[in-house]
Amino acid sequence: MKVHLLEKSFETENKLEPERKTELAKKLGLQPRQVAVWFQNRRARWKTKQLERDYDVLKASYDSLRSNYDSVVKENEKLKSEVKTKKPPQIWTFLNFCSLFFSEESASSIFVFHNWHPILR
């Protein structure tokens, strides 16, 4: 009965004002300090439970994101593999050379180089 009344009071308001503490202590036949300590302990348990709930929500979100990330990485690797098998190696070598050349030259040189190589048209 005492715990039930304390729990009900805690659900209403988890902070304990001095007047309320005195009133509860009289109703329950306890010392005001006992009521205050019970409320402190109950708040500590409530915070712990709240942290556990928050952790569970964050963990589920992380697991979902991690799974999605792993799927994207796997799909990316698959697509890279498909691209490599569909292009002859000479083209890759040529394109790598072009990107190297483009990064070292000015924009006007790129235009000249682009017009010079029929494969890029």
PDB file of N, CA and C in Angstrom:
ATOM      1  N   MET A   1       0.820  -1.199   0.000  1.00  0.00           N
ATOM      2  CA  MET A   1       0.000   0.000   0.000  1.00  0.00           C
ATOM      3  C   MET A   1       0.864   1.263   0.000  1.00  0.00           C
ATOM      4  N   LYS A   2       1.930   1.277   0.823  1.00  0.00           N
ATOM      5  CA  LYS A   2       2.791   2.460   0.899  1.00  0.00           C
ATOM      6  C   LYS A   2       3.500   2.688  -0.434  1.00  0.00           C
ATOM      7  N   VAL A   3       4.042   1.596  -0.984  1.00  0.00           N
ATOM      8  CA  VAL A   3       4.766   1.708  -2.252  1.00  0.00           C
ATOM      9  C   VAL A   3       3.817   2.157  -3.358  1.00  0.00           C
ATOM     10  N   HIS A   4       2.595   1.619  -3.348  1.00  0.00           N
ATOM     11  CA  HIS A   4       1.605   1.984  -4.364  1.00  0.00           C
ATOM     12  C   HIS A   4       1.320   3.493  -4.319  1.00  0.00           C
ATOM     13  N   LEU A   5       1.142   4.027  -3.134  1.00  0.00           N
ATOM     14  CA  LEU A   5       0.873   5.460  -2.989  1.00  0.00           C
ATOM     15  C   LEU A   5       2.088   6.293  -3.419  1.00  0.00           C
ATOM     16  N   LEU A   6       3.275   5.829  -3.060  1.00  0.00           N
ATOM     17  CA  LEU A   6       4.490   6.531  -3.480  1.00  0.00           C
ATOM     18  C   LEU A   6       4.630   6.507  -5.011  1.00  0.00           C
ATOM     19  N   GLU A   7       4.371   5.346  -5.611  1.00  0.00           N
ATOM     20  CA  GLU A   7       4.453   5.225  -7.076  1.00  0.00           C
ATOM     21  C   GLU A   7       3.456   6.157  -7.761  1.00  0.00           C
ATOM     22  N   LYS A   8       2.229   6.183  -7.256  1.00  0.00           N
ATOM     23  CA  LYS A   8       1.199   7.063  -7.828  1.00  0.00           C
ATOM     24  C   LYS A   8       1.643   8.523  -7.737  1.00  0.00           C
ATOM     25  N   SER A   9       2.179   8.883  -6.596  1.00  0.00           N
ATOM     26  CA  SER A   9       2.642  10.249  -6.390  1.00  0.00           C
ATOM     27  C   SER A   9       3.812  10.570  -7.330  1.00  0.00           C
ATOM     28  N   PHE A  10       4.698   9.595  -7.532  1.00  0.00           N
ATOM     29  CA  PHE A  10       5.846   9.783  -8.425  1.00  0.00           C
ATOM     30  C   PHE A  10       5.383   9.966  -9.866  1.00  0.00           C
ATOM     31  N   GLU A  11       4.382   9.192 -10.279  1.00  0.00           N
ATOM     32  CA  GLU A  11       3.847   9.310 -11.641  1.00  0.00           C
ATOM     33  C   GLU A  11       3.255  10.699 -11.882  1.00  0.00           C
ATOM     34  N   THR A  12       2.637  11.251 -10.846  1.00  0.00           N
ATOM     35  CA  THR A  12       2.055  12.587 -10.962  1.00  0.00           C
ATOM     36  C   THR A  12       3.147  13.633 -11.133  1.00  0.00           C
ATOM     37  N   GLU A  13       4.148  13.560 -10.287  1.00  0.00           N
ATOM     38  CA  GLU A  13       5.263  14.525 -10.338  1.00  0.00           C
ATOM     39  C   GLU A  13       6.472  13.873  -9.698  1.00  0.00           C
ATOM     40  N   ASN A  14       7.568  13.751 -10.478  1.00  0.00           N
ATOM     41  CA  ASN A  14       8.735  13.046  -9.931  1.00  0.00           C
ATOM     42  C   ASN A  14       9.643  13.938  -9.079  1.00  0.00           C
ATOM     43  N   LYS A  15       9.325  15.211  -9.000  1.00  0.00           N
ATOM     44  CA  LYS A  15      10.029  16.112  -8.073  1.00  0.00           C
ATOM     45  C   LYS A  15       9.168  16.248  -6.818  1.00  0.00           C
ATOM     46  N   LEU A  16       9.827  16.363  -5.697  1.00  0.00           N
ATOM     47  CA  LEU A  16       9.114  16.366  -4.417  1.00  0.00           C
ATOM     48  C   LEU A  16       9.286  17.709  -3.714  1.00  0.00           C
ATOM     49  N   GLU A  17       8.198  18.463  -3.653  1.00  0.00           N
ATOM     50  CA  GLU A  17       8.197  19.744  -2.934  1.00  0.00           C
ATOM     51  C   GLU A  17       8.098  19.459  -1.429  1.00  0.00           C
ATOM     52  N   PRO A  18       8.624  20.345  -0.585  1.00  0.00           N
ATOM     53  CA  PRO A  18       8.609  20.114   0.870  1.00  0.00           C
ATOM     54  C   PRO A  18       7.210  19.853   1.442  1.00  0.00           C
ATOM     55  N   GLU A  19       6.214  20.600   0.967  1.00  0.00           N
ATOM     56  CA  GLU A  19       4.847  20.404   1.489  1.00  0.00           C
ATOM     57  C   GLU A  19       4.334  19.008   1.124  1.00  0.00           C
ATOM     58  N   ARG A  20       4.579  18.623  -0.094  1.00  0.00           N
ATOM     59  CA  ARG A  20       4.122  17.309  -0.557  1.00  0.00           C
ATOM     60  C   ARG A  20       4.851  16.192   0.183  1.00  0.00           C
ATOM     61  N   LYS A  21       6.135  16.384   0.424  1.00  0.00           N
ATOM     62  CA  LYS A  21       6.918  15.395   1.160  1.00  0.00           C
ATOM     63  C   LYS A  21       6.335  15.202   2.560  1.00  0.00           C
ATOM     64  N   THR A  22       6.028  16.289   3.236  1.00  0.00           N
ATOM     65  CA  THR A  22       5.460  16.223   4.587  1.00  0.00           C
ATOM     66  C   THR A  22       4.098  15.538   4.563  1.00  0.00           C
ATOM     67  N   GLU A  23       3.274  15.894   3.590  1.00  0.00           N
ATOM     68  CA  GLU A  23       1.938  15.301   3.466  1.00  0.00           C
ATOM     69  C   GLU A  23       2.022  13.790   3.235  1.00  0.00           C
ATOM     70  N   LEU A  24       2.896  13.369   2.315  1.00  0.00           N
ATOM     71  CA  LEU A  24       3.058  11.931   2.047  1.00  0.00           C
ATOM     72  C   LEU A  24       3.589  11.198   3.276  1.00  0.00           C
ATOM     73  N   ALA A  25       4.551  11.794   3.950  1.00  0.00           N
ATOM     74  CA  ALA A  25       5.128  11.165   5.142  1.00  0.00           C
ATOM     75  C   ALA A  25       4.051  10.935   6.198  1.00  0.00           C
ATOM     76  N   LYS A  26       3.180  11.910   6.414  1.00  0.00           N
ATOM     77  CA  LYS A  26       2.090  11.756   7.392  1.00  0.00           C
ATOM     78  C   LYS A  26       1.123  10.664   6.966  1.00  0.00           C
ATOM     79  N   LYS A  27       0.728  10.661   5.673  1.00  0.00           N
ATOM     80  CA  LYS A  27      -0.211   9.651   5.174  1.00  0.00           C
ATOM     81  C   LYS A  27       0.335   8.239   5.336  1.00  0.00           C
ATOM     82  N   LEU A  28       1.644   8.091   5.114  1.00  0.00           N
ATOM     83  CA  LEU A  28       2.258   6.763   5.110  1.00  0.00           C
ATOM     84  C   LEU A  28       2.870   6.369   6.449  1.00  0.00           C
ATOM     85  N   GLY A  29       2.926   7.293   7.377  1.00  0.00           N
ATOM     86  CA  GLY A  29       3.541   6.993   8.672  1.00  0.00           C
ATOM     87  C   GLY A  29       5.050   6.840   8.561  1.00  0.00           C
ATOM     88  N   LEU A  30       5.661   7.612   7.701  1.00  0.00           N
ATOM     89  CA  LEU A  30       7.113   7.572   7.504  1.00  0.00           C
ATOM     90  C   LEU A  30       7.715   8.923   7.871  1.00  0.00           C
ATOM     91  N   GLN A  31       9.018   8.925   8.010  1.00  0.00           N
ATOM     92  CA  GLN A  31       9.739  10.175   8.219  1.00  0.00           C
ATOM     93  C   GLN A  31       9.843  10.896   6.862  1.00  0.00           C
ATOM     94  N   PRO A  32       9.782  12.226   6.858  1.00  0.00           N
ATOM     95  CA  PRO A  32       9.932  12.966   5.592  1.00  0.00           C
ATOM     96  C   PRO A  32      11.229  12.602   4.849  1.00  0.00           C
ATOM     97  N   ARG A  33      12.282  12.350   5.605  1.00  0.00           N
ATOM     98  CA  ARG A  33      13.566  11.965   4.984  1.00  0.00           C
ATOM     99  C   ARG A  33      13.431  10.644   4.240  1.00  0.00           C
ATOM    100  N   GLN A  34      12.662   9.686   4.784  1.00  0.00           N
ATOM    101  CA  GLN A  34      12.462   8.398   4.118  1.00  0.00           C
ATOM    102  C   GLN A  34      11.743   8.588   2.777  1.00  0.00           C
ATOM    103  N   VAL A  35      10.754   9.471   2.773  1.00  0.00           N
ATOM    104  CA  VAL A  35      10.018   9.755   1.533  1.00  0.00           C
ATOM    105  C   VAL A  35      10.964  10.403   0.518  1.00  0.00           C
ATOM    106  N   ALA A  36      11.777  11.338   0.975  1.00  0.00           N
ATOM    107  CA  ALA A  36      12.723  12.020   0.081  1.00  0.00           C
ATOM    108  C   ALA A  36      13.720  11.033  -0.520  1.00  0.00           C
ATOM    109  N   VAL A  37      14.237  10.131   0.303  1.00  0.00           N
ATOM    110  CA  VAL A  37      15.199   9.137  -0.184  1.00  0.00           C
ATOM    111  C   VAL A  37      14.527   8.199  -1.182  1.00  0.00           C
ATOM    112  N   TRP A  38      13.277   7.796  -0.891  1.00  0.00           N
ATOM    113  CA  TRP A  38      12.558   6.927  -1.825  1.00  0.00           C
ATOM    114  C   TRP A  38      12.430   7.623  -3.189  1.00  0.00           C
ATOM    115  N   PHE A  39      12.074   8.895  -3.188  1.00  0.00           N
ATOM    116  CA  PHE A  39      11.941   9.644  -4.447  1.00  0.00           C
ATOM    117  C   PHE A  39      13.285   9.753  -5.176  1.00  0.00           C
ATOM    118  N   GLN A  40      14.355   9.981  -4.444  1.00  0.00           N
ATOM    119  CA  GLN A  40      15.684  10.051  -5.072  1.00  0.00           C
ATOM    120  C   GLN A  40      16.030   8.725  -5.742  1.00  0.00           C
ATOM    121  N   ASN A  41      15.808   7.640  -5.016  1.00  0.00           N
ATOM    122  CA  ASN A  41      16.101   6.313  -5.566  1.00  0.00           C
ATOM    123  C   ASN A  41      15.225   6.008  -6.781  1.00  0.00           C
ATOM    124  N   ARG A  42      13.961   6.388  -6.684  1.00  0.00           N
ATOM    125  CA  ARG A  42      13.027   6.127  -7.787  1.00  0.00           C
ATOM    126  C   ARG A  42      13.413   6.931  -9.021  1.00  0.00           C
ATOM    127  N   ARG A  43      13.842   8.173  -8.851  1.00  0.00           N
ATOM    128  CA  ARG A  43      14.306   8.979  -9.992  1.00  0.00           C
ATOM    129  C   ARG A  43      15.546   8.353 -10.624  1.00  0.00           C
ATOM    130  N   ALA A  44      16.441   7.845  -9.802  1.00  0.00           N
ATOM    131  CA  ALA A  44      17.654   7.196 -10.323  1.00  0.00           C
ATOM    132  C   ALA A  44      17.282   5.963 -11.149  1.00  0.00           C
ATOM    133  N   ARG A  45      16.345   5.147 -10.651  1.00  0.00           N
ATOM    134  CA  ARG A  45      15.891   3.967 -11.413  1.00  0.00           C
ATOM    135  C   ARG A  45      15.219   4.395 -12.710  1.00  0.00           C
ATOM    136  N   TRP A  46      14.404   5.460 -12.639  1.00  0.00           N
ATOM    137  CA  TRP A  46      13.707   5.954 -13.825  1.00  0.00           C
ATOM    138  C   TRP A  46      14.713   6.415 -14.888  1.00  0.00           C
ATOM    139  N   LYS A  47      15.752   7.143 -14.463  1.00  0.00           N
ATOM    140  CA  LYS A  47      16.773   7.615 -15.407  1.00  0.00           C
ATOM    141  C   LYS A  47      17.505   6.443 -16.051  1.00  0.00           C
ATOM    142  N   THR A  48      17.824   5.436 -15.245  1.00  0.00           N
ATOM    143  CA  THR A  48      18.502   4.254 -15.775  1.00  0.00           C
ATOM    144  C   THR A  48      17.639   3.565 -16.823  1.00  0.00           C
ATOM    145  N   LYS A  49      16.361   3.386 -16.511  1.00  0.00           N
ATOM    146  CA  LYS A  49      15.434   2.762 -17.471  1.00  0.00           C
ATOM    147  C   LYS A  49      15.326   3.603 -18.739  1.00  0.00           C
ATOM    148  N   GLN A  50      15.281   4.920 -18.585  1.00  0.00           N
ATOM    149  CA  GLN A  50      15.184   5.806 -19.750  1.00  0.00           C
ATOM    150  C   GLN A  50      16.432   5.682 -20.618  1.00  0.00           C
ATOM    151  N   LEU A  51      17.594   5.604 -19.994  1.00  0.00           N
ATOM    152  CA  LEU A  51      18.834   5.422 -20.749  1.00  0.00           C
ATOM    153  C   LEU A  51      18.824   4.098 -21.501  1.00  0.00           C
ATOM    154  N   GLU A  52      18.314   3.050 -20.862  1.00  0.00           N
ATOM    155  CA  GLU A  52      18.224   1.747 -21.524  1.00  0.00           C
ATOM    156  C   GLU A  52      17.297   1.821 -22.735  1.00  0.00           C
ATOM    157  N   ARG A  53      16.164   2.504 -22.590  1.00  0.00           N
ATOM    158  CA  ARG A  53      15.237   2.657 -23.720  1.00  0.00           C
ATOM    159  C   ARG A  53      15.883   3.468 -24.842  1.00  0.00           C
ATOM    160  N   ASP A  54      16.541   4.555 -24.477  1.00  0.00           N
ATOM    161  CA  ASP A  54      17.222   5.380 -25.482  1.00  0.00           C
ATOM    162  C   ASP A  54      18.297   4.575 -26.210  1.00  0.00           C
ATOM    163  N   TYR A  55      19.045   3.782 -25.448  1.00  0.00           N
ATOM    164  CA  TYR A  55      20.090   2.943 -26.044  1.00  0.00           C
ATOM    165  C   TYR A  55      19.476   1.961 -27.038  1.00  0.00           C
ATOM    166  N   ASP A  56      18.378   1.315 -26.647  1.00  0.00           N
ATOM    167  CA  ASP A  56      17.730   0.344 -27.532  1.00  0.00           C
ATOM    168  C   ASP A  56      17.282   0.991 -28.838  1.00  0.00           C
ATOM    169  N   VAL A  57      16.723   2.195 -28.752  1.00  0.00           N
ATOM    170  CA  VAL A  57      16.279   2.913 -29.956  1.00  0.00           C
ATOM    171  C   VAL A  57      17.486   3.264 -30.833  1.00  0.00           C
ATOM    172  N   LEU A  58      18.540   3.795 -30.223  1.00  0.00           N
ATOM    173  CA  LEU A  58      19.739   4.160 -30.984  1.00  0.00           C
ATOM    174  C   LEU A  58      20.415   2.934 -31.589  1.00  0.00           C
ATOM    175  N   LYS A  59      20.456   1.846 -30.843  1.00  0.00           N
ATOM    176  CA  LYS A  59      21.080   0.608 -31.335  1.00  0.00           C
ATOM    177  C   LYS A  59      20.317   0.077 -32.537  1.00  0.00           C
ATOM    178  N   ALA A  60      18.989   0.075 -32.469  1.00  0.00           N
ATOM    179  CA  ALA A  60      18.176  -0.392 -33.598  1.00  0.00           C
ATOM    180  C   ALA A  60      18.404   0.498 -34.819  1.00  0.00           C
ATOM    181  N   SER A  61      18.483   1.797 -34.606  1.00  0.00           N
ATOM    182  CA  SER A  61      18.730   2.733 -35.703  1.00  0.00           C
ATOM    183  C   SER A  61      20.118   2.493 -36.302  1.00  0.00           C
ATOM    184  N   TYR A  62      21.108   2.315 -35.445  1.00  0.00           N
ATOM    185  CA  TYR A  62      22.465   2.036 -35.916  1.00  0.00           C
ATOM    186  C   TYR A  62      22.503   0.743 -36.722  1.00  0.00           C
ATOM    187  N   ASP A  63      21.890  -0.313 -36.195  1.00  0.00           N
ATOM    188  CA  ASP A  63      21.889  -1.603 -36.889  1.00  0.00           C
ATOM    189  C   ASP A  63      21.265  -1.481 -38.278  1.00  0.00           C
ATOM    190  N   SER A  64      20.181  -0.737 -38.366  1.00  0.00           N
ATOM    191  CA  SER A  64      19.513  -0.530 -39.652  1.00  0.00           C
ATOM    192  C   SER A  64      20.414   0.247 -40.613  1.00  0.00           C
ATOM    193  N   LEU A  65      21.006   1.330 -40.123  1.00  0.00           N
ATOM    194  CA  LEU A  65      21.906   2.124 -40.962  1.00  0.00           C
ATOM    195  C   LEU A  65      23.125   1.318 -41.396  1.00  0.00           C
ATOM    196  N   ARG A  66      23.662   0.523 -40.489  1.00  0.00           N
ATOM    197  CA  ARG A  66      24.837  -0.300 -40.804  1.00  0.00           C
ATOM    198  C   ARG A  66      24.496  -1.318 -41.882  1.00  0.00           C
ATOM    199  N   SER A  67      23.335  -1.919 -41.763  1.00  0.00           N
ATOM    200  CA  SER A  67      22.886  -2.888 -42.758  1.00  0.00           C
ATOM    201  C   SER A  67      22.723  -2.220 -44.123  1.00  0.00           C
ATOM    202  N   ASN A  68      22.108  -1.042 -44.136  1.00  0.00           N
ATOM    203  CA  ASN A  68      21.951  -0.300 -45.390  1.00  0.00           C
ATOM    204  C   ASN A  68      23.306   0.080 -45.979  1.00  0.00           C
ATOM    205  N   TYR A  69      24.210   0.526 -45.134  1.00  0.00           N
ATOM    206  CA  TYR A  69      25.552   0.895 -45.586  1.00  0.00           C
ATOM    207  C   TYR A  69      26.256  -0.309 -46.201  1.00  0.00           C
ATOM    208  N   ASP A  70      26.199  -1.442 -45.511  1.00  0.00           N
ATOM    209  CA  ASP A  70      26.836  -2.653 -46.026  1.00  0.00           C
ATOM    210  C   ASP A  70      26.250  -3.050 -47.377  1.00  0.00           C
ATOM    211  N   SER A  71      24.936  -2.901 -47.533  1.00  0.00           N
ATOM    212  CA  SER A  71      24.288  -3.215 -48.809  1.00  0.00           C
ATOM    213  C   SER A  71      24.769  -2.278 -49.914  1.00  0.00           C
ATOM    214  N   VAL A  72      24.897  -1.000 -49.594  1.00  0.00           N
ATOM    215  CA  VAL A  72      25.364  -0.024 -50.585  1.00  0.00           C
ATOM    216  C   VAL A  72      26.807  -0.325 -50.989  1.00  0.00           C
ATOM    217  N   VAL A  73      27.649  -0.647 -50.026  1.00  0.00           N
ATOM    218  CA  VAL A  73      29.044  -0.981 -50.330  1.00  0.00           C
ATOM    219  C   VAL A  73      29.102  -2.216 -51.225  1.00  0.00           C
ATOM    220  N   LYS A  74      28.313  -3.214 -50.893  1.00  0.00           N
ATOM    221  CA  LYS A  74      28.276  -4.449 -51.686  1.00  0.00           C
ATOM    222  C   LYS A  74      27.800  -4.158 -53.114  1.00  0.00           C
ATOM    223  N   GLU A  75      26.754  -3.365 -53.237  1.00  0.00           N
ATOM    224  CA  GLU A  75      26.226  -2.995 -54.553  1.00  0.00           C
ATOM    225  C   GLU A  75      27.262  -2.190 -55.337  1.00  0.00           C
ATOM    226  N   ASN A  76      27.974  -1.299 -54.673  1.00  0.00           N
ATOM    227  CA  ASN A  76      29.022  -0.508 -55.314  1.00  0.00           C
ATOM    228  C   ASN A  76      30.123  -1.414 -55.862  1.00  0.00           C
ATOM    229  N   GLU A  77      30.550  -2.371 -55.072  1.00  0.00           N
ATOM    230  CA  GLU A  77      31.586  -3.309 -55.520  1.00  0.00           C
ATOM    231  C   GLU A  77      31.098  -4.121 -56.717  1.00  0.00           C
ATOM    232  N   LYS A  78      29.851  -4.535 -56.674  1.00  0.00           N
ATOM    233  CA  LYS A  78      29.263  -5.298 -57.778  1.00  0.00           C
ATOM    234  C   LYS A  78      29.252  -4.456 -59.054  1.00  0.00           C
ATOM    235  N   LEU A  79      28.842  -3.199 -58.936  1.00  0.00           N
ATOM    236  CA  LEU A  79      28.798  -2.314 -60.103  1.00  0.00           C
ATOM    237  C   LEU A  79      30.198  -2.032 -60.649  1.00  0.00           C
ATOM    238  N   LYS A  80      31.157  -1.840 -59.764  1.00  0.00           N
ATOM    239  CA  LYS A  80      32.537  -1.637 -60.212  1.00  0.00           C
ATOM    240  C   LYS A  80      33.029  -2.846 -60.996  1.00  0.00           C
ATOM    241  N   SER A  81      32.717  -4.013 -60.489  1.00  0.00           N
ATOM    242  CA  SER A  81      33.116  -5.245 -61.157  1.00  0.00           C
ATOM    243  C   SER A  81      32.464  -5.358 -62.531  1.00  0.00           C
ATOM    244  N   GLU A  82      31.188  -5.021 -62.619  1.00  0.00           N
ATOM    245  CA  GLU A  82      30.480  -5.066 -63.900  1.00  0.00           C
ATOM    246  C   GLU A  82      31.089  -4.093 -64.896  1.00  0.00           C
ATOM    247  N   VAL A  83      31.418  -2.894 -64.445  1.00  0.00           N
ATOM    248  CA  VAL A  83      32.004  -1.886 -65.335  1.00  0.00           C
ATOM    249  C   VAL A  83      33.347  -2.369 -65.861  1.00  0.00           C
ATOM    250  N   LYS A  84      34.161  -2.962 -65.005  1.00  0.00           N
ATOM    251  CA  LYS A  84      35.478  -3.438 -65.428  1.00  0.00           C
ATOM    252  C   LYS A  84      35.367  -4.551 -66.458  1.00  0.00           C
ATOM    253  N   THR A  85      34.390  -5.406 -66.324  1.00  0.00           N
ATOM    254  CA  THR A  85      34.247  -6.514 -67.274  1.00  0.00           C
ATOM    255  C   THR A  85      33.655  -6.061 -68.599  1.00  0.00           C
ATOM    256  N   LYS A  86      32.995  -4.935 -68.648  1.00  0.00           N
ATOM    257  CA  LYS A  86      32.361  -4.461 -69.878  1.00  0.00           C
ATOM    258  C   LYS A  86      33.265  -3.557 -70.707  1.00  0.00           C
ATOM    259  N   LYS A  87      34.326  -3.023 -70.161  1.00  0.00           N
ATOM    260  CA  LYS A  87      35.230  -2.128 -70.885  1.00  0.00           C
ATOM    261  C   LYS A  87      36.558  -2.851 -71.126  1.00  0.00           C
ATOM    262  N   PRO A  88      37.071  -2.776 -72.349  1.00  0.00           N
ATOM    263  CA  PRO A  88      38.393  -3.369 -72.594  1.00  0.00           C
ATOM    264  C   PRO A  88      39.463  -2.612 -71.802  1.00  0.00           C
ATOM    265  N   PRO A  89      40.488  -3.300 -71.355  1.00  0.00           N
ATOM    266  CA  PRO A  89      41.541  -2.663 -70.557  1.00  0.00           C
ATOM    267  C   PRO A  89      42.228  -1.501 -71.267  1.00  0.00           C
ATOM    268  N   GLN A  90      42.354  -1.550 -72.623  1.00  0.00           N
ATOM    269  CA  GLN A  90      43.016  -0.465 -73.340  1.00  0.00           C
ATOM    270  C   GLN A  90      42.264   0.850 -73.137  1.00  0.00           C
ATOM    271  N   ILE A  91      40.949   0.788 -73.141  1.00  0.00           N
ATOM    272  CA  ILE A  91      40.152   1.996 -72.950  1.00  0.00           C
ATOM    273  C   ILE A  91      40.417   2.577 -71.565  1.00  0.00           C
ATOM    274  N   TRP A  92      40.465   1.697 -70.555  1.00  0.00           N
ATOM    275  CA  TRP A  92      40.728   2.171 -69.195  1.00  0.00           C
ATOM    276  C   TRP A  92      42.095   2.843 -69.115  1.00  0.00           C
ATOM    277  N   THR A  93      43.078   2.247 -69.767  1.00  0.00           N
ATOM    278  CA  THR A  93      44.417   2.835 -69.758  1.00  0.00           C
ATOM    279  C   THR A  93      44.399   4.197 -70.436  1.00  0.00           C
ATOM    280  N   PHE A  94      43.730   4.253 -71.583  1.00  0.00           N
ATOM    281  CA  PHE A  94      43.634   5.514 -72.311  1.00  0.00           C
ATOM    282  C   PHE A  94      42.905   6.570 -71.481  1.00  0.00           C
ATOM    283  N   LEU A  95      41.788   6.191 -70.854  1.00  0.00           N
ATOM    284  CA  LEU A  95      41.032   7.144 -70.046  1.00  0.00           C
ATOM    285  C   LEU A  95      41.829   7.611 -68.834  1.00  0.00           C
ATOM    286  N   ASN A  96      42.583   6.705 -68.242  1.00  0.00           N
ATOM    287  CA  ASN A  96      43.445   7.101 -67.126  1.00  0.00           C
ATOM    288  C   ASN A  96      44.508   8.098 -67.592  1.00  0.00           C
ATOM    289  N   PHE A  97      45.071   7.850 -68.781  1.00  0.00           N
ATOM    290  CA  PHE A  97      46.045   8.788 -69.341  1.00  0.00           C
ATOM    291  C   PHE A  97      45.401  10.154 -69.578  1.00  0.00           C
ATOM    292  N   CYS A  98      44.188  10.140 -70.121  1.00  0.00           N
ATOM    293  CA  CYS A  98      43.488  11.398 -70.393  1.00  0.00           C
ATOM    294  C   CYS A  98      43.236  12.178 -69.111  1.00  0.00           C
ATOM    295  N   SER A  99      42.795  11.503 -68.074  1.00  0.00           N
ATOM    296  CA  SER A  99      42.523  12.210 -66.823  1.00  0.00           C
ATOM    297  C   SER A  99      43.809  12.781 -66.239  1.00  0.00           C
ATOM    298  N   LEU A 100      44.909  12.058 -66.399  1.00  0.00           N
ATOM    299  CA  LEU A 100      46.194  12.560 -65.930  1.00  0.00           C
ATOM    300  C   LEU A 100      46.598  13.789 -66.745  1.00  0.00           C
ATOM    301  N   PHE A 101      46.433  13.699 -68.047  1.00  0.00           N
ATOM    302  CA  PHE A 101      46.766  14.807 -68.934  1.00  0.00           C
ATOM    303  C   PHE A 101      45.899  16.022 -68.627  1.00  0.00           C
ATOM    304  N   PHE A 102      44.595  15.801 -68.439  1.00  0.00           N
ATOM    305  CA  PHE A 102      43.673  16.902 -68.176  1.00  0.00           C
ATOM    306  C   PHE A 102      44.004  17.603 -66.867  1.00  0.00           C
ATOM    307  N   SER A 103      44.414  16.860 -65.898  1.00  0.00           N
ATOM    308  CA  SER A 103      44.666  17.480 -64.604  1.00  0.00           C
ATOM    309  C   SER A 103      45.931  18.337 -64.624  1.00  0.00           C
ATOM    310  N   GLU A 104      46.815  18.083 -65.600  1.00  0.00           N
ATOM    311  CA  GLU A 104      48.075  18.818 -65.645  1.00  0.00           C
ATOM    312  C   GLU A 104      48.057  19.978 -66.639  1.00  0.00           C
ATOM    313  N   GLU A 105      47.065  20.037 -67.496  1.00  0.00           N
ATOM    314  CA  GLU A 105      47.032  21.044 -68.553  1.00  0.00           C
ATOM    315  C   GLU A 105      45.926  22.056 -68.306  1.00  0.00           C
ATOM    316  N   SER A 106      45.969  23.128 -69.064  1.00  0.00           N
ATOM    317  CA  SER A 106      44.942  24.165 -68.938  1.00  0.00           C
ATOM    318  C   SER A 106      43.685  23.757 -69.685  1.00  0.00           C
ATOM    319  N   ALA A 107      42.612  24.505 -69.512  1.00  0.00           N
ATOM    320  CA  ALA A 107      41.334  24.206 -70.156  1.00  0.00           C
ATOM    321  C   ALA A 107      41.454  24.270 -71.672  1.00  0.00           C
ATOM    322  N   SER A 108      42.232  25.205 -72.217  1.00  0.00           N
ATOM    323  CA  SER A 108      42.380  25.306 -73.675  1.00  0.00           C
ATOM    324  C   SER A 108      43.105  24.089 -74.226  1.00  0.00           C
ATOM    325  N   SER A 109      44.075  23.574 -73.506  1.00  0.00           N
ATOM    326  CA  SER A 109      44.775  22.371 -73.943  1.00  0.00           C
ATOM    327  C   SER A 109      43.835  21.180 -73.943  1.00  0.00           C
ATOM    328  N   ILE A 110      42.937  21.138 -72.976  1.00  0.00           N
ATOM    329  CA  ILE A 110      41.964  20.046 -72.916  1.00  0.00           C
ATOM    330  C   ILE A 110      41.086  20.079 -74.156  1.00  0.00           C
ATOM    331  N   PHE A 111      40.662  21.280 -74.539  1.00  0.00           N
ATOM    332  CA  PHE A 111      39.815  21.415 -75.720  1.00  0.00           C
ATOM    333  C   PHE A 111      40.552  20.900 -76.954  1.00  0.00           C
ATOM    334  N   VAL A 112      41.820  21.288 -77.115  1.00  0.00           N
ATOM    335  CA  VAL A 112      42.623  20.836 -78.258  1.00  0.00           C
ATOM    336  C   VAL A 112      42.781  19.329 -78.205  1.00  0.00           C
ATOM    337  N   PHE A 113      43.090  18.790 -77.015  1.00  0.00           N
ATOM    338  CA  PHE A 113      43.274  17.347 -76.856  1.00  0.00           C
ATOM    339  C   PHE A 113      41.977  16.619 -77.177  1.00  0.00           C
ATOM    340  N   HIS A 114      40.879  17.149 -76.733  1.00  0.00           N
ATOM    341  CA  HIS A 114      39.569  16.544 -76.966  1.00  0.00           C
ATOM    342  C   HIS A 114      39.273  16.486 -78.470  1.00  0.00           C
ATOM    343  N   ASN A 115      39.555  17.553 -79.185  1.00  0.00           N
ATOM    344  CA  ASN A 115      39.311  17.581 -80.628  1.00  0.00           C
ATOM    345  C   ASN A 115      40.298  16.707 -81.392  1.00  0.00           C
ATOM    346  N   TRP A 116      41.455  16.501 -80.842  1.00  0.00           N
ATOM    347  CA  TRP A 116      42.494  15.729 -81.507  1.00  0.00           C
ATOM    348  C   TRP A 116      42.196  14.240 -81.487  1.00  0.00           C
ATOM    349  N   HIS A 117      41.563  13.748 -80.417  1.00  0.00           N
ATOM    350  CA  HIS A 117      41.293  12.318 -80.282  1.00  0.00           C
ATOM    351  C   HIS A 117      39.865  11.990 -80.667  1.00  0.00           C
ATOM    352  N   PRO A 118      39.675  11.290 -81.784  1.00  0.00           N
ATOM    353  CA  PRO A 118      38.324  10.980 -82.241  1.00  0.00           C
ATOM    354  C   PRO A 118      37.549  10.106 -81.250  1.00  0.00           C
ATOM    355  N   ILE A 119      38.227   9.330 -80.429  1.00  0.00           N
ATOM    356  CA  ILE A 119      37.531   8.441 -79.492  1.00  0.00           C
ATOM    357  C   ILE A 119      36.754   9.224 -78.440  1.00  0.00           C
ATOM    358  N   LEU A 120      37.146  10.474 -78.167  1.00  0.00           N
ATOM    359  CA  LEU A 120      36.483  11.264 -77.139  1.00  0.00           C
ATOM    360  C   LEU A 120      35.300  12.061 -77.674  1.00  0.00           C
ATOM    361  N   ARG A 121      35.111  12.081 -78.989  1.00  0.00           N
ATOM    362  CA  ARG A 121      34.016  12.864 -79.578  1.00  0.00           C
ATOM    363  C   ARG A 121      32.689  12.188 -79.379  1.00  0.00           C
TER     364      ARG A 121
END
